[in-house]
Amino acid sequence: MNANLQQSEYANPASPPEMVAIEGSNPQNLPMLPPATEPENQLQEFGRQVSEFLAKLPEYTGRFFSDYKGLIINLGLFLAAIVTVKVVLAILDALNDIPLLSPTFELVGISYSTWFTFRYLLKDSTRQELSADIESLKQQIFGSNGSEM
């Protein structure tokens, strides 16, 4: 008789108050499963946090740049100097691989060094002229206070 009763209860799903899962049990005391929308809420919360972070990202980067402006500029100049030196060395290495060009550069360097030595370094008067030229160049570059450096 129980089998017939259970079949009739399951046959009519439109009337849930008449259904009893276990005789003598109270439906409020049964363990409940979490609602199916909870993972979706966690996903929505994560998405909201990500969108808030992305919305504030320009503000964060602007504040970071204003706080560390000098450091960032110095770091950029340092990296640019390293890249420039590497490029110049690569170009010079490529030029040295060209036949007869390397000995020509050496000959030009030796000739200029010899001329500079005879022109400016042998006599006292020409050394003073070189010193005056250097001081004049310093004043042109650094201004009138360049001699105090």
N, C-alpha and C. Protein backbone atom coordinates (compact mmCIF):
# COMPACT_ATOMS: atom_id res chain seq x y z
N MET A 1 0.81 -1.17 0.00
CA MET A 1 0.00 0.00 0.00
C MET A 1 0.87 1.26 0.00
N ASN A 2 1.98 1.19 0.67
CA ASN A 2 2.89 2.33 0.65
C ASN A 2 3.40 2.59 -0.75
N ALA A 3 3.66 1.55 -1.50
CA ALA A 3 4.15 1.72 -2.85
C ALA A 3 3.12 2.43 -3.70
N ASN A 4 1.86 2.09 -3.55
CA ASN A 4 0.80 2.76 -4.30
C ASN A 4 0.65 4.22 -3.85
N LEU A 5 0.82 4.45 -2.57
CA LEU A 5 0.69 5.80 -2.05
C LEU A 5 1.82 6.69 -2.55
N GLN A 6 3.03 6.15 -2.54
CA GLN A 6 4.16 6.93 -3.01
C GLN A 6 4.04 7.21 -4.50
N GLN A 7 3.59 6.23 -5.27
CA GLN A 7 3.44 6.45 -6.70
C GLN A 7 2.40 7.52 -6.98
N SER A 8 1.35 7.52 -6.22
CA SER A 8 0.31 8.52 -6.47
C SER A 8 0.80 9.90 -6.05
N GLU A 9 1.62 9.97 -5.02
CA GLU A 9 2.15 11.27 -4.60
C GLU A 9 3.11 11.82 -5.64
N TYR A 10 3.95 10.99 -6.23
CA TYR A 10 4.90 11.46 -7.22
C TYR A 10 4.25 11.70 -8.58
N ALA A 11 3.11 11.09 -8.80
CA ALA A 11 2.44 11.23 -10.07
C ALA A 11 1.84 12.63 -10.22
N ASN A 12 1.53 13.31 -9.12
CA ASN A 12 0.92 14.63 -9.18
C ASN A 12 1.89 15.65 -8.56
N PRO A 13 2.78 16.19 -9.35
CA PRO A 13 3.75 17.13 -8.79
C PRO A 13 3.15 18.52 -8.52
N ALA A 14 1.91 18.75 -8.91
CA ALA A 14 1.32 20.07 -8.72
C ALA A 14 0.91 20.32 -7.27
N SER A 15 0.90 19.31 -6.45
CA SER A 15 0.45 19.50 -5.07
C SER A 15 1.56 19.13 -4.10
N PRO A 16 2.58 19.96 -3.89
CA PRO A 16 3.69 19.64 -3.02
C PRO A 16 3.34 19.53 -1.53
N PRO A 17 2.35 20.23 -0.98
CA PRO A 17 2.11 20.08 0.46
C PRO A 17 1.67 18.67 0.85
N GLU A 18 1.13 17.89 -0.05
CA GLU A 18 0.70 16.54 0.27
C GLU A 18 1.85 15.55 0.24
N MET A 19 3.00 15.93 -0.33
CA MET A 19 4.12 15.00 -0.44
C MET A 19 4.88 14.96 0.86
N VAL A 20 5.29 13.77 1.24
CA VAL A 20 6.10 13.60 2.43
C VAL A 20 7.29 12.74 2.03
N ALA A 21 8.49 13.22 2.27
CA ALA A 21 9.68 12.50 1.86
C ALA A 21 9.91 11.30 2.76
N ILE A 22 9.94 11.51 4.03
CA ILE A 22 10.11 10.43 5.01
C ILE A 22 9.04 10.62 6.05
N GLU A 23 8.37 9.54 6.39
CA GLU A 23 7.30 9.68 7.37
C GLU A 23 7.87 10.05 8.72
N GLY A 24 7.26 10.99 9.37
CA GLY A 24 7.67 11.42 10.69
C GLY A 24 8.79 12.45 10.68
N SER A 25 9.24 12.90 9.53
CA SER A 25 10.30 13.90 9.49
C SER A 25 9.70 15.27 9.18
N ASN A 26 10.32 16.27 9.74
CA ASN A 26 9.88 17.63 9.52
C ASN A 26 10.77 18.23 8.44
N PRO A 27 10.21 18.84 7.39
CA PRO A 27 11.04 19.38 6.32
C PRO A 27 11.97 20.51 6.78
N GLN A 28 11.63 21.21 7.86
CA GLN A 28 12.51 22.27 8.33
C GLN A 28 13.77 21.72 8.99
N ASN A 29 13.75 20.48 9.46
CA ASN A 29 14.91 19.88 10.13
C ASN A 29 15.86 19.19 9.17
N LEU A 30 15.48 19.03 7.93
CA LEU A 30 16.33 18.35 6.97
C LEU A 30 17.47 19.28 6.54
N PRO A 31 18.67 18.71 6.28
CA PRO A 31 19.77 19.57 5.81
C PRO A 31 19.43 20.16 4.44
N MET A 32 19.79 21.41 4.29
CA MET A 32 19.48 22.13 3.06
C MET A 32 20.76 22.28 2.23
N LEU A 33 20.63 22.19 0.95
CA LEU A 33 21.73 22.46 0.03
C LEU A 33 21.83 23.97 -0.17
N PRO A 34 23.05 24.45 -0.43
CA PRO A 34 23.16 25.89 -0.69
C PRO A 34 22.42 26.24 -1.98
N PRO A 35 21.93 27.44 -2.06
CA PRO A 35 21.20 27.81 -3.28
C PRO A 35 22.11 27.77 -4.50
N ALA A 36 21.53 27.52 -5.61
CA ALA A 36 22.30 27.37 -6.85
C ALA A 36 22.89 28.69 -7.33
N THR A 37 22.43 29.81 -6.82
CA THR A 37 22.93 31.09 -7.30
C THR A 37 24.16 31.57 -6.53
N GLU A 38 24.63 30.87 -5.50
CA GLU A 38 25.77 31.33 -4.71
C GLU A 38 27.07 31.39 -5.52
N PRO A 39 27.46 30.37 -6.32
CA PRO A 39 28.67 30.51 -7.11
C PRO A 39 28.58 31.67 -8.11
N GLU A 40 27.39 31.92 -8.62
CA GLU A 40 27.22 33.02 -9.53
C GLU A 40 27.45 34.35 -8.79
N ASN A 41 27.01 34.42 -7.53
CA ASN A 41 27.24 35.63 -6.75
C ASN A 41 28.73 35.84 -6.49
N GLN A 42 29.45 34.76 -6.20
CA GLN A 42 30.90 34.88 -5.99
C GLN A 42 31.58 35.32 -7.28
N LEU A 43 31.13 34.79 -8.39
CA LEU A 43 31.69 35.19 -9.67
C LEU A 43 31.39 36.65 -9.96
N GLN A 44 30.18 37.07 -9.66
CA GLN A 44 29.82 38.48 -9.85
C GLN A 44 30.63 39.38 -8.94
N GLU A 45 30.86 38.94 -7.70
CA GLU A 45 31.66 39.74 -6.77
C GLU A 45 33.11 39.86 -7.27
N PHE A 46 33.66 38.77 -7.76
CA PHE A 46 35.02 38.81 -8.31
C PHE A 46 35.08 39.74 -9.52
N GLY A 47 34.09 39.64 -10.39
CA GLY A 47 34.03 40.51 -11.55
C GLY A 47 33.90 41.98 -11.15
N ARG A 48 33.13 42.25 -10.11
CA ARG A 48 32.98 43.62 -9.63
C ARG A 48 34.31 44.14 -9.10
N GLN A 49 35.04 43.31 -8.34
CA GLN A 49 36.34 43.74 -7.81
C GLN A 49 37.33 44.00 -8.95
N VAL A 50 37.34 43.15 -9.95
CA VAL A 50 38.24 43.34 -11.09
C VAL A 50 37.88 44.61 -11.85
N SER A 51 36.59 44.85 -12.05
CA SER A 51 36.19 46.05 -12.79
C SER A 51 36.50 47.31 -11.99
N GLU A 52 36.36 47.27 -10.65
CA GLU A 52 36.74 48.43 -9.83
C GLU A 52 38.24 48.69 -9.91
N PHE A 53 39.03 47.62 -9.88
CA PHE A 53 40.47 47.79 -9.99
C PHE A 53 40.84 48.38 -11.33
N LEU A 54 40.25 47.87 -12.41
CA LEU A 54 40.56 48.38 -13.75
C LEU A 54 40.08 49.82 -13.91
N ALA A 55 38.99 50.19 -13.24
CA ALA A 55 38.51 51.56 -13.31
C ALA A 55 39.46 52.52 -12.60
N LYS A 56 40.09 52.05 -11.53
CA LYS A 56 41.00 52.90 -10.76
C LYS A 56 42.45 52.77 -11.24
N LEU A 57 42.72 51.93 -12.22
CA LEU A 57 44.09 51.71 -12.69
C LEU A 57 44.75 52.99 -13.20
N PRO A 58 44.09 53.83 -14.01
CA PRO A 58 44.76 55.08 -14.42
C PRO A 58 45.12 55.97 -13.23
N GLU A 59 44.26 55.99 -12.22
CA GLU A 59 44.56 56.78 -11.02
C GLU A 59 45.78 56.21 -10.30
N TYR A 60 45.84 54.89 -10.18
CA TYR A 60 46.98 54.25 -9.51
C TYR A 60 48.28 54.53 -10.26
N THR A 61 48.26 54.38 -11.59
CA THR A 61 49.48 54.60 -12.36
C THR A 61 49.89 56.07 -12.33
N GLY A 62 48.91 56.98 -12.36
CA GLY A 62 49.23 58.41 -12.27
C GLY A 62 49.86 58.76 -10.93
N ARG A 63 49.32 58.21 -9.87
CA ARG A 63 49.89 58.47 -8.54
C ARG A 63 51.28 57.85 -8.42
N PHE A 64 51.48 56.64 -8.96
CA PHE A 64 52.79 56.00 -8.93
C PHE A 64 53.82 56.84 -9.69
N PHE A 65 53.43 57.32 -10.88
CA PHE A 65 54.36 58.11 -11.68
C PHE A 65 54.69 59.43 -10.98
N SER A 66 53.70 60.07 -10.36
CA SER A 66 53.98 61.35 -9.69
C SER A 66 54.84 61.14 -8.45
N ASP A 67 54.67 60.01 -7.76
CA ASP A 67 55.47 59.74 -6.56
C ASP A 67 56.92 59.40 -6.92
N TYR A 68 57.13 58.68 -7.99
CA TYR A 68 58.47 58.19 -8.36
C TYR A 68 58.95 58.78 -9.69
N LYS A 69 58.56 60.02 -9.97
CA LYS A 69 58.87 60.64 -11.26
C LYS A 69 60.37 60.71 -11.51
N GLY A 70 61.13 61.22 -10.56
CA GLY A 70 62.58 61.36 -10.76
C GLY A 70 63.26 60.02 -10.95
N LEU A 71 62.87 59.04 -10.15
CA LEU A 71 63.47 57.71 -10.27
C LEU A 71 63.17 57.08 -11.62
N ILE A 72 61.94 57.22 -12.09
CA ILE A 72 61.56 56.63 -13.37
C ILE A 72 62.33 57.30 -14.52
N ILE A 73 62.46 58.63 -14.45
CA ILE A 73 63.19 59.34 -15.51
C ILE A 73 64.66 58.93 -15.51
N ASN A 74 65.27 58.86 -14.32
CA ASN A 74 66.67 58.45 -14.24
C ASN A 74 66.87 57.02 -14.74
N LEU A 75 65.96 56.14 -14.38
CA LEU A 75 66.04 54.76 -14.84
C LEU A 75 65.91 54.68 -16.36
N GLY A 76 64.98 55.47 -16.93
CA GLY A 76 64.82 55.51 -18.39
C GLY A 76 66.06 56.04 -19.08
N LEU A 77 66.66 57.10 -18.53
CA LEU A 77 67.89 57.64 -19.13
C LEU A 77 69.03 56.64 -19.05
N PHE A 78 69.13 55.94 -17.92
CA PHE A 78 70.17 54.93 -17.76
C PHE A 78 70.01 53.81 -18.77
N LEU A 79 68.78 53.33 -18.94
CA LEU A 79 68.54 52.26 -19.92
C LEU A 79 68.78 52.75 -21.35
N ALA A 80 68.41 54.01 -21.64
CA ALA A 80 68.66 54.56 -22.97
C ALA A 80 70.16 54.68 -23.23
N ALA A 81 70.93 55.05 -22.20
CA ALA A 81 72.38 55.15 -22.37
C ALA A 81 72.98 53.78 -22.63
N ILE A 82 72.51 52.76 -21.93
CA ILE A 82 73.03 51.41 -22.14
C ILE A 82 72.72 50.94 -23.57
N VAL A 83 71.49 51.18 -24.03
CA VAL A 83 71.11 50.77 -25.39
C VAL A 83 71.95 51.52 -26.42
N THR A 84 72.17 52.82 -26.19
CA THR A 84 72.96 53.62 -27.12
C THR A 84 74.40 53.10 -27.21
N VAL A 85 75.00 52.80 -26.07
CA VAL A 85 76.37 52.28 -26.06
C VAL A 85 76.43 50.94 -26.79
N LYS A 86 75.45 50.08 -26.56
CA LYS A 86 75.45 48.78 -27.24
C LYS A 86 75.31 48.95 -28.76
N VAL A 87 74.47 49.87 -29.20
CA VAL A 87 74.28 50.10 -30.63
C VAL A 87 75.56 50.65 -31.25
N VAL A 88 76.18 51.63 -30.59
CA VAL A 88 77.42 52.21 -31.11
C VAL A 88 78.52 51.15 -31.19
N LEU A 89 78.63 50.31 -30.16
CA LEU A 89 79.64 49.25 -30.19
C LEU A 89 79.36 48.24 -31.31
N ALA A 90 78.08 47.95 -31.54
CA ALA A 90 77.74 47.02 -32.63
C ALA A 90 78.10 47.63 -33.99
N ILE A 91 77.84 48.93 -34.15
CA ILE A 91 78.19 49.59 -35.41
C ILE A 91 79.70 49.60 -35.61
N LEU A 92 80.45 49.92 -34.55
CA LEU A 92 81.91 49.93 -34.67
C LEU A 92 82.45 48.53 -34.95
N ASP A 93 81.85 47.53 -34.34
CA ASP A 93 82.28 46.16 -34.61
C ASP A 93 82.01 45.77 -36.06
N ALA A 94 80.86 46.21 -36.58
CA ALA A 94 80.54 45.93 -37.98
C ALA A 94 81.50 46.66 -38.91
N LEU A 95 81.86 47.90 -38.56
CA LEU A 95 82.82 48.65 -39.39
C LEU A 95 84.21 48.03 -39.35
N ASN A 96 84.59 47.48 -38.19
CA ASN A 96 85.91 46.85 -38.08
C ASN A 96 86.02 45.58 -38.91
N ASP A 97 84.89 44.98 -39.24
CA ASP A 97 84.92 43.76 -40.05
C ASP A 97 85.13 44.06 -41.53
N ILE A 98 84.99 45.31 -41.93
CA ILE A 98 85.20 45.67 -43.34
C ILE A 98 86.71 45.73 -43.60
N PRO A 99 87.18 45.03 -44.61
CA PRO A 99 88.62 45.03 -44.89
C PRO A 99 89.14 46.44 -45.20
N LEU A 100 90.35 46.73 -44.73
CA LEU A 100 91.07 47.98 -44.90
C LEU A 100 90.47 49.16 -44.15
N LEU A 101 89.28 49.03 -43.59
CA LEU A 101 88.68 50.14 -42.86
C LEU A 101 89.24 50.22 -41.44
N SER A 102 89.46 49.08 -40.82
CA SER A 102 90.03 49.08 -39.47
C SER A 102 91.44 49.68 -39.45
N PRO A 103 92.33 49.29 -40.33
CA PRO A 103 93.65 49.93 -40.33
C PRO A 103 93.59 51.43 -40.65
N THR A 104 92.63 51.82 -41.49
CA THR A 104 92.47 53.24 -41.80
C THR A 104 92.06 54.02 -40.55
N PHE A 105 91.11 53.48 -39.79
CA PHE A 105 90.70 54.14 -38.54
C PHE A 105 91.87 54.23 -37.56
N GLU A 106 92.66 53.18 -37.47
CA GLU A 106 93.82 53.21 -36.58
C GLU A 106 94.81 54.28 -37.03
N LEU A 107 95.03 54.39 -38.32
CA LEU A 107 95.95 55.41 -38.86
C LEU A 107 95.43 56.82 -38.58
N VAL A 108 94.13 57.03 -38.74
CA VAL A 108 93.54 58.34 -38.45
C VAL A 108 93.67 58.66 -36.97
N GLY A 109 93.42 57.70 -36.10
CA GLY A 109 93.54 57.90 -34.66
C GLY A 109 94.96 58.23 -34.24
N ILE A 110 95.91 57.51 -34.77
CA ILE A 110 97.33 57.77 -34.44
C ILE A 110 97.74 59.14 -34.95
N SER A 111 97.30 59.49 -36.15
CA SER A 111 97.64 60.81 -36.72
C SER A 111 97.06 61.93 -35.88
N TYR A 112 95.81 61.83 -35.48
CA TYR A 112 95.19 62.88 -34.68
C TYR A 112 95.85 62.99 -33.32
N SER A 113 96.16 61.88 -32.69
CA SER A 113 96.82 61.91 -31.38
C SER A 113 98.19 62.59 -31.48
N THR A 114 98.93 62.29 -32.54
CA THR A 114 100.23 62.92 -32.75
C THR A 114 100.08 64.42 -32.96
N TRP A 115 99.14 64.85 -33.80
CA TRP A 115 98.92 66.27 -34.03
C TRP A 115 98.52 66.99 -32.75
N PHE A 116 97.60 66.38 -31.97
CA PHE A 116 97.13 67.00 -30.73
C PHE A 116 98.29 67.17 -29.74
N THR A 117 99.14 66.16 -29.65
CA THR A 117 100.29 66.23 -28.74
C THR A 117 101.23 67.35 -29.16
N PHE A 118 101.59 67.42 -30.42
CA PHE A 118 102.49 68.47 -30.88
C PHE A 118 101.85 69.86 -30.81
N ARG A 119 100.55 69.93 -31.05
CA ARG A 119 99.88 71.24 -31.08
C ARG A 119 99.65 71.80 -29.68
N TYR A 120 99.19 70.99 -28.73
CA TYR A 120 98.76 71.51 -27.44
C TYR A 120 99.59 71.09 -26.23
N LEU A 121 100.29 70.00 -26.27
CA LEU A 121 100.88 69.47 -25.04
C LEU A 121 102.38 69.70 -24.88
N LEU A 122 103.10 70.03 -25.92
CA LEU A 122 104.55 70.15 -25.79
C LEU A 122 105.00 71.47 -25.17
N LYS A 123 104.35 72.58 -25.49
CA LYS A 123 104.79 73.89 -25.01
C LYS A 123 103.85 74.40 -23.93
N ASP A 124 104.40 75.20 -23.03
CA ASP A 124 103.63 75.76 -21.93
C ASP A 124 102.56 76.73 -22.45
N SER A 125 102.88 77.54 -23.42
CA SER A 125 101.92 78.53 -23.93
C SER A 125 100.72 77.85 -24.60
N THR A 126 100.95 76.75 -25.31
CA THR A 126 99.84 76.06 -25.96
C THR A 126 98.99 75.30 -24.94
N ARG A 127 99.60 74.82 -23.84
CA ARG A 127 98.81 74.19 -22.76
C ARG A 127 97.89 75.22 -22.12
N GLN A 128 98.38 76.45 -21.91
CA GLN A 128 97.54 77.50 -21.34
C GLN A 128 96.42 77.87 -22.32
N GLU A 129 96.71 77.87 -23.60
CA GLU A 129 95.67 78.12 -24.61
C GLU A 129 94.59 77.04 -24.56
N LEU A 130 94.99 75.79 -24.43
CA LEU A 130 94.05 74.67 -24.32
C LEU A 130 93.19 74.81 -23.06
N SER A 131 93.84 75.18 -21.95
CA SER A 131 93.10 75.37 -20.70
C SER A 131 92.09 76.50 -20.84
N ALA A 132 92.46 77.59 -21.47
CA ALA A 132 91.53 78.71 -21.69
C ALA A 132 90.38 78.29 -22.60
N ASP A 133 90.66 77.49 -23.62
CA ASP A 133 89.59 77.00 -24.50
C ASP A 133 88.61 76.11 -23.74
N ILE A 134 89.14 75.29 -22.86
CA ILE A 134 88.27 74.40 -22.07
C ILE A 134 87.41 75.22 -21.12
N GLU A 135 87.97 76.22 -20.45
CA GLU A 135 87.20 77.08 -19.55
C GLU A 135 86.13 77.85 -20.32
N SER A 136 86.46 78.34 -21.51
CA SER A 136 85.48 79.05 -22.34
C SER A 136 84.33 78.12 -22.72
N LEU A 137 84.65 76.90 -23.05
CA LEU A 137 83.62 75.91 -23.39
C LEU A 137 82.73 75.60 -22.19
N LYS A 138 83.34 75.50 -20.99
CA LYS A 138 82.57 75.26 -19.77
C LYS A 138 81.59 76.40 -19.52
N GLN A 139 82.05 77.64 -19.70
CA GLN A 139 81.17 78.78 -19.47
C GLN A 139 80.04 78.83 -20.49
N GLN A 140 80.29 78.42 -21.70
CA GLN A 140 79.24 78.39 -22.71
C GLN A 140 78.19 77.33 -22.38
N ILE A 141 78.64 76.21 -21.86
CA ILE A 141 77.71 75.11 -21.58
C ILE A 141 76.98 75.33 -20.26
N PHE A 142 77.71 75.62 -19.18
CA PHE A 142 77.12 75.70 -17.85
C PHE A 142 76.73 77.12 -17.42
N GLY A 143 77.09 78.12 -18.16
CA GLY A 143 76.78 79.49 -17.78
C GLY A 143 77.95 80.12 -17.07
N SER A 144 77.69 81.25 -16.43
CA SER A 144 78.78 82.01 -15.80
C SER A 144 79.29 81.34 -14.53
N ASN A 145 78.48 80.46 -13.90
CA ASN A 145 78.91 79.77 -12.68
C ASN A 145 79.67 78.49 -12.97
N GLY A 146 80.01 78.23 -14.19
CA GLY A 146 80.68 76.99 -14.56
C GLY A 146 82.07 76.88 -14.01
N SER A 147 82.74 78.03 -13.71
CA SER A 147 84.10 77.96 -13.22
C SER A 147 84.14 77.54 -11.75
N GLU A 148 82.98 77.59 -11.04
CA GLU A 148 82.95 77.20 -9.62
C GLU A 148 82.82 75.71 -9.45
N MET A 149 82.59 75.00 -10.50
CA MET A 149 82.40 73.55 -10.40
C MET A 149 83.68 72.92 -10.18
